[in-house]
Amino acid sequence: MPRYFLHIDDGTQRIEDHEGSELPDLAAARNEALGAARQLWAAAILDQRDIGVRSFSIADGNGTVVDTVRMDMALPRSLLDRLAGLHR
């Protein structure tokens, strides 16, 4: 089974995933990143923190970034629409 690494990027620095996870395919790695993003959002909300514009860079076993998952992709569309309305 392939190994995928979910690195967290904030635009200026990267937190490396040195262990990775064995997952069946890229779709499973993407779902793993979305689940991790939801957990980070939940902790941030409880701590009244903004996790900003972070994203997960999904790298394969060769270290090649094969996909990117933005943190906001883990939030429900209805919430994103409401938040967008606040910034107009």
PDB file of N, CA and C in Angstrom:
ATOM      1  N   MET A   1       0.857  -1.169   0.000  1.00  0.00           N
ATOM      2  CA  MET A   1       0.000   0.000   0.000  1.00  0.00           C
ATOM      3  C   MET A   1       0.909   1.241   0.000  1.00  0.00           C
ATOM      4  N   PRO A   2       0.542   2.264  -0.784  1.00  0.00           N
ATOM      5  CA  PRO A   2       1.383   3.465  -0.843  1.00  0.00           C
ATOM      6  C   PRO A   2       1.367   4.258   0.463  1.00  0.00           C
ATOM      7  N   ARG A   3       2.440   4.995   0.689  1.00  0.00           N
ATOM      8  CA  ARG A   3       2.551   5.857   1.869  1.00  0.00           C
ATOM      9  C   ARG A   3       2.400   7.305   1.418  1.00  0.00           C
ATOM     10  N   TYR A   4       1.569   8.046   2.138  1.00  0.00           N
ATOM     11  CA  TYR A   4       1.356   9.469   1.864  1.00  0.00           C
ATOM     12  C   TYR A   4       1.737  10.274   3.102  1.00  0.00           C
ATOM     13  N   PHE A   5       2.265  11.458   2.868  1.00  0.00           N
ATOM     14  CA  PHE A   5       2.698  12.348   3.929  1.00  0.00           C
ATOM     15  C   PHE A   5       1.859  13.624   3.856  1.00  0.00           C
ATOM     16  N   LEU A   6       1.303  14.031   5.003  1.00  0.00           N
ATOM     17  CA  LEU A   6       0.437  15.208   5.062  1.00  0.00           C
ATOM     18  C   LEU A   6       1.185  16.329   5.776  1.00  0.00           C
ATOM     19  N   HIS A   7       1.850  17.166   5.004  1.00  0.00           N
ATOM     20  CA  HIS A   7       2.599  18.291   5.556  1.00  0.00           C
ATOM     21  C   HIS A   7       1.653  19.481   5.714  1.00  0.00           C
ATOM     22  N   ILE A   8       1.805  20.225   6.814  1.00  0.00           N
ATOM     23  CA  ILE A   8       0.985  21.416   7.035  1.00  0.00           C
ATOM     24  C   ILE A   8       1.787  22.635   6.611  1.00  0.00           C
ATOM     25  N   ASP A   9       1.209  23.436   5.716  1.00  0.00           N
ATOM     26  CA  ASP A   9       1.842  24.664   5.225  1.00  0.00           C
ATOM     27  C   ASP A   9       1.021  25.869   5.650  1.00  0.00           C
ATOM     28  N   ASP A  10       1.702  26.944   6.026  1.00  0.00           N
ATOM     29  CA  ASP A  10       0.982  28.186   6.340  1.00  0.00           C
ATOM     30  C   ASP A  10       1.425  29.337   5.453  1.00  0.00           C
ATOM     31  N   GLY A  11       2.144  29.042   4.396  1.00  0.00           N
ATOM     32  CA  GLY A  11       2.607  30.076   3.476  1.00  0.00           C
ATOM     33  C   GLY A  11       4.016  30.540   3.762  1.00  0.00           C
ATOM     34  N   THR A  12       4.468  30.377   5.001  1.00  0.00           N
ATOM     35  CA  THR A  12       5.835  30.786   5.339  1.00  0.00           C
ATOM     36  C   THR A  12       6.665  29.632   5.879  1.00  0.00           C
ATOM     37  N   GLN A  13       6.013  28.658   6.483  1.00  0.00           N
ATOM     38  CA  GLN A  13       6.749  27.510   7.003  1.00  0.00           C
ATOM     39  C   GLN A  13       5.937  26.245   6.825  1.00  0.00           C
ATOM     40  N   ARG A  14       6.615  25.120   6.964  1.00  0.00           N
ATOM     41  CA  ARG A  14       5.971  23.820   6.790  1.00  0.00           C
ATOM     42  C   ARG A  14       6.257  22.956   8.004  1.00  0.00           C
ATOM     43  N   ILE A  15       5.213  22.293   8.492  1.00  0.00           N
ATOM     44  CA  ILE A  15       5.374  21.278   9.526  1.00  0.00           C
ATOM     45  C   ILE A  15       5.369  19.939   8.795  1.00  0.00           C
ATOM     46  N   GLU A  16       6.509  19.269   8.821  1.00  0.00           N
ATOM     47  CA  GLU A  16       6.684  18.036   8.069  1.00  0.00           C
ATOM     48  C   GLU A  16       6.051  16.839   8.781  1.00  0.00           C
ATOM     49  N   ASP A  17       5.390  16.019   8.016  1.00  0.00           N
ATOM     50  CA  ASP A  17       4.890  14.722   8.479  1.00  0.00           C
ATOM     51  C   ASP A  17       5.985  13.719   8.134  1.00  0.00           C
ATOM     52  N   HIS A  18       6.760  13.303   9.119  1.00  0.00           N
ATOM     53  CA  HIS A  18       7.894  12.409   8.865  1.00  0.00           C
ATOM     54  C   HIS A  18       7.499  10.940   8.847  1.00  0.00           C
ATOM     55  N   GLU A  19       6.334  10.615   9.426  1.00  0.00           N
ATOM     56  CA  GLU A  19       5.910   9.219   9.489  1.00  0.00           C
ATOM     57  C   GLU A  19       5.063   8.812   8.295  1.00  0.00           C
ATOM     58  N   GLY A  20       4.142   9.673   7.898  1.00  0.00           N
ATOM     59  CA  GLY A  20       3.235   9.332   6.818  1.00  0.00           C
ATOM     60  C   GLY A  20       2.229   8.279   7.246  1.00  0.00           C
ATOM     61  N   SER A  21       1.365   7.933   6.318  1.00  0.00           N
ATOM     62  CA  SER A  21       0.336   6.917   6.556  1.00  0.00           C
ATOM     63  C   SER A  21       0.204   6.058   5.318  1.00  0.00           C
ATOM     64  N   GLU A  22       0.039   4.767   5.540  1.00  0.00           N
ATOM     65  CA  GLU A  22      -0.232   3.872   4.426  1.00  0.00           C
ATOM     66  C   GLU A  22      -1.716   3.961   4.109  1.00  0.00           C
ATOM     67  N   LEU A  23      -2.008   4.379   2.905  1.00  0.00           N
ATOM     68  CA  LEU A  23      -3.390   4.568   2.472  1.00  0.00           C
ATOM     69  C   LEU A  23      -3.550   3.966   1.086  1.00  0.00           C
ATOM     70  N   PRO A  24      -4.750   3.509   0.749  1.00  0.00           N
ATOM     71  CA  PRO A  24      -4.937   2.809  -0.523  1.00  0.00           C
ATOM     72  C   PRO A  24      -4.701   3.665  -1.766  1.00  0.00           C
ATOM     73  N   ASP A  25      -5.023   4.973  -1.679  1.00  0.00           N
ATOM     74  CA  ASP A  25      -4.883   5.809  -2.870  1.00  0.00           C
ATOM     75  C   ASP A  25      -4.929   7.286  -2.480  1.00  0.00           C
ATOM     76  N   LEU A  26      -4.795   8.143  -3.486  1.00  0.00           N
ATOM     77  CA  LEU A  26      -4.783   9.583  -3.246  1.00  0.00           C
ATOM     78  C   LEU A  26      -6.116  10.070  -2.683  1.00  0.00           C
ATOM     79  N   ALA A  27      -7.220   9.485  -3.110  1.00  0.00           N
ATOM     80  CA  ALA A  27      -8.532   9.881  -2.577  1.00  0.00           C
ATOM     81  C   ALA A  27      -8.592   9.634  -1.074  1.00  0.00           C
ATOM     82  N   ALA A  28      -8.035   8.529  -0.612  1.00  0.00           N
ATOM     83  CA  ALA A  28      -8.009   8.236   0.821  1.00  0.00           C
ATOM     84  C   ALA A  28      -7.103   9.225   1.553  1.00  0.00           C
ATOM     85  N   ALA A  29      -5.988   9.604   0.929  1.00  0.00           N
ATOM     86  CA  ALA A  29      -5.081  10.593   1.532  1.00  0.00           C
ATOM     87  C   ALA A  29      -5.778  11.948   1.641  1.00  0.00           C
ATOM     88  N   ARG A  30      -6.532  12.292   0.626  1.00  0.00           N
ATOM     89  CA  ARG A  30      -7.282  13.551   0.640  1.00  0.00           C
ATOM     90  C   ARG A  30      -8.332  13.538   1.761  1.00  0.00           C
ATOM     91  N   ASN A  31      -9.032  12.428   1.914  1.00  0.00           N
ATOM     92  CA  ASN A  31     -10.019  12.299   2.991  1.00  0.00           C
ATOM     93  C   ASN A  31      -9.347  12.377   4.362  1.00  0.00           C
ATOM     94  N   GLU A  32      -8.157  11.808   4.473  1.00  0.00           N
ATOM     95  CA  GLU A  32      -7.393  11.879   5.721  1.00  0.00           C
ATOM     96  C   GLU A  32      -7.031  13.334   6.041  1.00  0.00           C
ATOM     97  N   ALA A  33      -6.620  14.079   5.015  1.00  0.00           N
ATOM     98  CA  ALA A  33      -6.273  15.492   5.206  1.00  0.00           C
ATOM     99  C   ALA A  33      -7.502  16.304   5.613  1.00  0.00           C
ATOM    100  N   LEU A  34      -8.635  16.039   4.992  1.00  0.00           N
ATOM    101  CA  LEU A  34      -9.863  16.750   5.357  1.00  0.00           C
ATOM    102  C   LEU A  34     -10.273  16.448   6.799  1.00  0.00           C
ATOM    103  N   GLY A  35     -10.134  15.199   7.215  1.00  0.00           N
ATOM    104  CA  GLY A  35     -10.449  14.841   8.595  1.00  0.00           C
ATOM    105  C   GLY A  35      -9.513  15.528   9.580  1.00  0.00           C
ATOM    106  N   ALA A  36      -8.231  15.577   9.247  1.00  0.00           N
ATOM    107  CA  ALA A  36      -7.263  16.254  10.113  1.00  0.00           C
ATOM    108  C   ALA A  36      -7.557  17.752  10.174  1.00  0.00           C
ATOM    109  N   ALA A  37      -7.945  18.330   9.049  1.00  0.00           N
ATOM    110  CA  ALA A  37      -8.285  19.757   9.018  1.00  0.00           C
ATOM    111  C   ALA A  37      -9.492  20.034   9.908  1.00  0.00           C
ATOM    112  N   ARG A  38     -10.486  19.159   9.883  1.00  0.00           N
ATOM    113  CA  ARG A  38     -11.662  19.331  10.749  1.00  0.00           C
ATOM    114  C   ARG A  38     -11.267  19.288  12.223  1.00  0.00           C
ATOM    115  N   GLN A  39     -10.357  18.385  12.570  1.00  0.00           N
ATOM    116  CA  GLN A  39      -9.883  18.307  13.952  1.00  0.00           C
ATOM    117  C   GLN A  39      -9.138  19.573  14.350  1.00  0.00           C
ATOM    118  N   LEU A  40      -8.314  20.096  13.450  1.00  0.00           N
ATOM    119  CA  LEU A  40      -7.589  21.343  13.744  1.00  0.00           C
ATOM    120  C   LEU A  40      -8.552  22.512  13.902  1.00  0.00           C
ATOM    121  N   TRP A  41      -9.575  22.585  13.030  1.00  0.00           N
ATOM    122  CA  TRP A  41     -10.580  23.648  13.159  1.00  0.00           C
ATOM    123  C   TRP A  41     -11.299  23.530  14.501  1.00  0.00           C
ATOM    124  N   ALA A  42     -11.686  22.323  14.896  1.00  0.00           N
ATOM    125  CA  ALA A  42     -12.416  22.129  16.149  1.00  0.00           C
ATOM    126  C   ALA A  42     -11.579  22.614  17.335  1.00  0.00           C
ATOM    127  N   ALA A  43     -10.306  22.240  17.362  1.00  0.00           N
ATOM    128  CA  ALA A  43      -9.431  22.682  18.449  1.00  0.00           C
ATOM    129  C   ALA A  43      -9.246  24.194  18.421  1.00  0.00           C
ATOM    130  N   ALA A  44      -9.102  24.754  17.231  1.00  0.00           N
ATOM    131  CA  ALA A  44      -8.910  26.204  17.105  1.00  0.00           C
ATOM    132  C   ALA A  44     -10.139  26.968  17.593  1.00  0.00           C
ATOM    133  N   ILE A  45     -11.313  26.471  17.249  1.00  0.00           N
ATOM    134  CA  ILE A  45     -12.551  27.129  17.679  1.00  0.00           C
ATOM    135  C   ILE A  45     -12.680  27.076  19.197  1.00  0.00           C
ATOM    136  N   LEU A  46     -12.391  25.920  19.793  1.00  0.00           N
ATOM    137  CA  LEU A  46     -12.467  25.799  21.250  1.00  0.00           C
ATOM    138  C   LEU A  46     -11.478  26.736  21.939  1.00  0.00           C
ATOM    139  N   ASP A  47     -10.318  26.937  21.323  1.00  0.00           N
ATOM    140  CA  ASP A  47      -9.289  27.825  21.888  1.00  0.00           C
ATOM    141  C   ASP A  47      -9.437  29.270  21.426  1.00  0.00           C
ATOM    142  N   GLN A  48     -10.475  29.542  20.631  1.00  0.00           N
ATOM    143  CA  GLN A  48     -10.724  30.873  20.066  1.00  0.00           C
ATOM    144  C   GLN A  48      -9.507  31.384  19.293  1.00  0.00           C
ATOM    145  N   ARG A  49      -8.969  30.502  18.436  1.00  0.00           N
ATOM    146  CA  ARG A  49      -7.835  30.843  17.584  1.00  0.00           C
ATOM    147  C   ARG A  49      -8.263  30.740  16.126  1.00  0.00           C
ATOM    148  N   ASP A  50      -7.596  31.472  15.295  1.00  0.00           N
ATOM    149  CA  ASP A  50      -7.790  31.364  13.854  1.00  0.00           C
ATOM    150  C   ASP A  50      -6.619  30.573  13.294  1.00  0.00           C
ATOM    151  N   ILE A  51      -6.905  29.531  12.537  1.00  0.00           N
ATOM    152  CA  ILE A  51      -5.799  28.758  11.975  1.00  0.00           C
ATOM    153  C   ILE A  51      -5.371  29.305  10.620  1.00  0.00           C
ATOM    154  N   GLY A  52      -5.996  30.384  10.206  1.00  0.00           N
ATOM    155  CA  GLY A  52      -5.521  31.109   9.038  1.00  0.00           C
ATOM    156  C   GLY A  52      -5.633  30.369   7.730  1.00  0.00           C
ATOM    157  N   VAL A  53      -4.665  30.601   6.892  1.00  0.00           N
ATOM    158  CA  VAL A  53      -4.714  30.110   5.515  1.00  0.00           C
ATOM    159  C   VAL A  53      -3.896  28.834   5.343  1.00  0.00           C
ATOM    160  N   ARG A  54      -3.848  28.040   6.339  1.00  0.00           N
ATOM    161  CA  ARG A  54      -3.061  26.813   6.269  1.00  0.00           C
ATOM    162  C   ARG A  54      -3.660  25.821   5.284  1.00  0.00           C
ATOM    163  N   SER A  55      -2.800  24.910   4.863  1.00  0.00           N
ATOM    164  CA  SER A  55      -3.241  23.845   3.976  1.00  0.00           C
ATOM    165  C   SER A  55      -2.380  22.608   4.228  1.00  0.00           C
ATOM    166  N   PHE A  56      -2.856  21.489   3.748  1.00  0.00           N
ATOM    167  CA  PHE A  56      -2.078  20.259   3.756  1.00  0.00           C
ATOM    168  C   PHE A  56      -1.509  20.040   2.363  1.00  0.00           C
ATOM    169  N   SER A  57      -0.222  19.811   2.294  1.00  0.00           N
ATOM    170  CA  SER A  57       0.416  19.360   1.063  1.00  0.00           C
ATOM    171  C   SER A  57       0.533  17.845   1.188  1.00  0.00           C
ATOM    172  N   ILE A  58      -0.069  17.136   0.264  1.00  0.00           N
ATOM    173  CA  ILE A  58      -0.025  15.675   0.286  1.00  0.00           C
ATOM    174  C   ILE A  58       1.118  15.238  -0.618  1.00  0.00           C
ATOM    175  N   ALA A  59       2.089  14.550  -0.024  1.00  0.00           N
ATOM    176  CA  ALA A  59       3.245  14.073  -0.782  1.00  0.00           C
ATOM    177  C   ALA A  59       3.214  12.550  -0.846  1.00  0.00           C
ATOM    178  N   ASP A  60       3.704  12.026  -1.955  1.00  0.00           N
ATOM    179  CA  ASP A  60       3.778  10.574  -2.095  1.00  0.00           C
ATOM    180  C   ASP A  60       5.084  10.066  -1.464  1.00  0.00           C
ATOM    181  N   GLY A  61       5.329   8.797  -1.588  1.00  0.00           N
ATOM    182  CA  GLY A  61       6.512   8.180  -1.000  1.00  0.00           C
ATOM    183  C   GLY A  61       7.824   8.695  -1.544  1.00  0.00           C
ATOM    184  N   ASN A  62       7.797   9.326  -2.711  1.00  0.00           N
ATOM    185  CA  ASN A  62       9.005   9.918  -3.297  1.00  0.00           C
ATOM    186  C   ASN A  62       9.222  11.356  -2.844  1.00  0.00           C
ATOM    187  N   GLY A  63       8.278  11.901  -2.073  1.00  0.00           N
ATOM    188  CA  GLY A  63       8.383  13.279  -1.623  1.00  0.00           C
ATOM    189  C   GLY A  63       7.763  14.286  -2.576  1.00  0.00           C
ATOM    190  N   THR A  64       7.151  13.802  -3.642  1.00  0.00           N
ATOM    191  CA  THR A  64       6.510  14.670  -4.618  1.00  0.00           C
ATOM    192  C   THR A  64       5.129  15.089  -4.116  1.00  0.00           C
ATOM    193  N   VAL A  65       4.862  16.391  -4.096  1.00  0.00           N
ATOM    194  CA  VAL A  65       3.534  16.867  -3.695  1.00  0.00           C
ATOM    195  C   VAL A  65       2.561  16.538  -4.823  1.00  0.00           C
ATOM    196  N   VAL A  66       1.539  15.743  -4.485  1.00  0.00           N
ATOM    197  CA  VAL A  66       0.585  15.274  -5.486  1.00  0.00           C
ATOM    198  C   VAL A  66      -0.778  15.947  -5.367  1.00  0.00           C
ATOM    199  N   ASP A  67      -1.004  16.660  -4.247  1.00  0.00           N
ATOM    200  CA  ASP A  67      -2.271  17.372  -4.079  1.00  0.00           C
ATOM    201  C   ASP A  67      -2.124  18.343  -2.909  1.00  0.00           C
ATOM    202  N   THR A  68      -3.032  19.306  -2.856  1.00  0.00           N
ATOM    203  CA  THR A  68      -3.090  20.265  -1.762  1.00  0.00           C
ATOM    204  C   THR A  68      -4.530  20.366  -1.289  1.00  0.00           C
ATOM    205  N   VAL A  69      -4.710  20.352   0.016  1.00  0.00           N
ATOM    206  CA  VAL A  69      -6.033  20.490   0.613  1.00  0.00           C
ATOM    207  C   VAL A  69      -5.996  21.710   1.526  1.00  0.00           C
ATOM    208  N   ARG A  70      -6.746  22.743   1.156  1.00  0.00           N
ATOM    209  CA  ARG A  70      -6.832  23.947   1.995  1.00  0.00           C
ATOM    210  C   ARG A  70      -7.698  23.657   3.212  1.00  0.00           C
ATOM    211  N   MET A  71      -7.364  24.273   4.325  1.00  0.00           N
ATOM    212  CA  MET A  71      -8.126  24.058   5.557  1.00  0.00           C
ATOM    213  C   MET A  71      -9.596  24.425   5.391  1.00  0.00           C
ATOM    214  N   ASP A  72      -9.873  25.482   4.619  1.00  0.00           N
ATOM    215  CA  ASP A  72     -11.273  25.895   4.470  1.00  0.00           C
ATOM    216  C   ASP A  72     -12.109  24.868   3.710  1.00  0.00           C
ATOM    217  N   MET A  73     -11.465  23.946   3.010  1.00  0.00           N
ATOM    218  CA  MET A  73     -12.200  22.903   2.295  1.00  0.00           C
ATOM    219  C   MET A  73     -12.884  21.931   3.258  1.00  0.00           C
ATOM    220  N   ALA A  74     -12.462  21.943   4.531  1.00  0.00           N
ATOM    221  CA  ALA A  74     -13.036  21.049   5.531  1.00  0.00           C
ATOM    222  C   ALA A  74     -14.280  21.632   6.187  1.00  0.00           C
ATOM    223  N   LEU A  75     -14.559  22.897   5.917  1.00  0.00           N
ATOM    224  CA  LEU A  75     -15.720  23.558   6.527  1.00  0.00           C
ATOM    225  C   LEU A  75     -16.952  23.421   5.638  1.00  0.00           C
ATOM    226  N   PRO A  76     -18.134  23.368   6.243  1.00  0.00           N
ATOM    227  CA  PRO A  76     -19.364  23.277   5.448  1.00  0.00           C
ATOM    228  C   PRO A  76     -19.549  24.511   4.563  1.00  0.00           C
ATOM    229  N   ARG A  77     -20.060  24.312   3.362  1.00  0.00           N
ATOM    230  CA  ARG A  77     -20.281  25.401   2.401  1.00  0.00           C
ATOM    231  C   ARG A  77     -21.159  26.493   2.999  1.00  0.00           C
ATOM    232  N   SER A  78     -22.184  26.108   3.765  1.00  0.00           N
ATOM    233  CA  SER A  78     -23.096  27.111   4.340  1.00  0.00           C
ATOM    234  C   SER A  78     -22.348  28.041   5.292  1.00  0.00           C
ATOM    235  N   LEU A  79     -21.409  27.516   6.050  1.00  0.00           N
ATOM    236  CA  LEU A  79     -20.615  28.353   6.952  1.00  0.00           C
ATOM    237  C   LEU A  79     -19.695  29.272   6.159  1.00  0.00           C
ATOM    238  N   LEU A  80     -19.072  28.741   5.136  1.00  0.00           N
ATOM    239  CA  LEU A  80     -18.193  29.576   4.297  1.00  0.00           C
ATOM    240  C   LEU A  80     -18.970  30.710   3.639  1.00  0.00           C
ATOM    241  N   ASP A  81     -20.191  30.417   3.194  1.00  0.00           N
ATOM    242  CA  ASP A  81     -21.018  31.465   2.577  1.00  0.00           C
ATOM    243  C   ASP A  81     -21.362  32.548   3.591  1.00  0.00           C
ATOM    244  N   ARG A  82     -21.708  32.148   4.816  1.00  0.00           N
ATOM    245  CA  ARG A  82     -22.014  33.133   5.859  1.00  0.00           C
ATOM    246  C   ARG A  82     -20.805  33.983   6.196  1.00  0.00           C
ATOM    247  N   LEU A  83     -19.666  33.363   6.305  1.00  0.00           N
ATOM    248  CA  LEU A  83     -18.433  34.095   6.617  1.00  0.00           C
ATOM    249  C   LEU A  83     -18.072  35.055   5.484  1.00  0.00           C
ATOM    250  N   ALA A  84     -18.280  34.628   4.254  1.00  0.00           N
ATOM    251  CA  ALA A  84     -18.004  35.511   3.114  1.00  0.00           C
ATOM    252  C   ALA A  84     -18.910  36.722   3.159  1.00  0.00           C
ATOM    253  N   GLY A  85     -20.151  36.548   3.586  1.00  0.00           N
ATOM    254  CA  GLY A  85     -21.091  37.660   3.690  1.00  0.00           C
ATOM    255  C   GLY A  85     -20.673  38.673   4.740  1.00  0.00           C
ATOM    256  N   LEU A  86     -19.995  38.250   5.757  1.00  0.00           N
ATOM    257  CA  LEU A  86     -19.522  39.141   6.808  1.00  0.00           C
ATOM    258  C   LEU A  86     -18.382  40.041   6.320  1.00  0.00           C
ATOM    259  N   HIS A  87     -17.666  39.597   5.312  1.00  0.00           N
ATOM    260  CA  HIS A  87     -16.486  40.326   4.843  1.00  0.00           C
ATOM    261  C   HIS A  87     -16.781  41.211   3.631  1.00  0.00           C
ATOM    262  N   ARG A  88     -18.027  41.361   3.274  1.00  0.00           N
ATOM    263  CA  ARG A  88     -18.378  42.193   2.120  1.00  0.00           C
ATOM    264  C   ARG A  88     -18.587  43.611   2.509  1.00  0.00           C
TER     265      ARG A  88
END
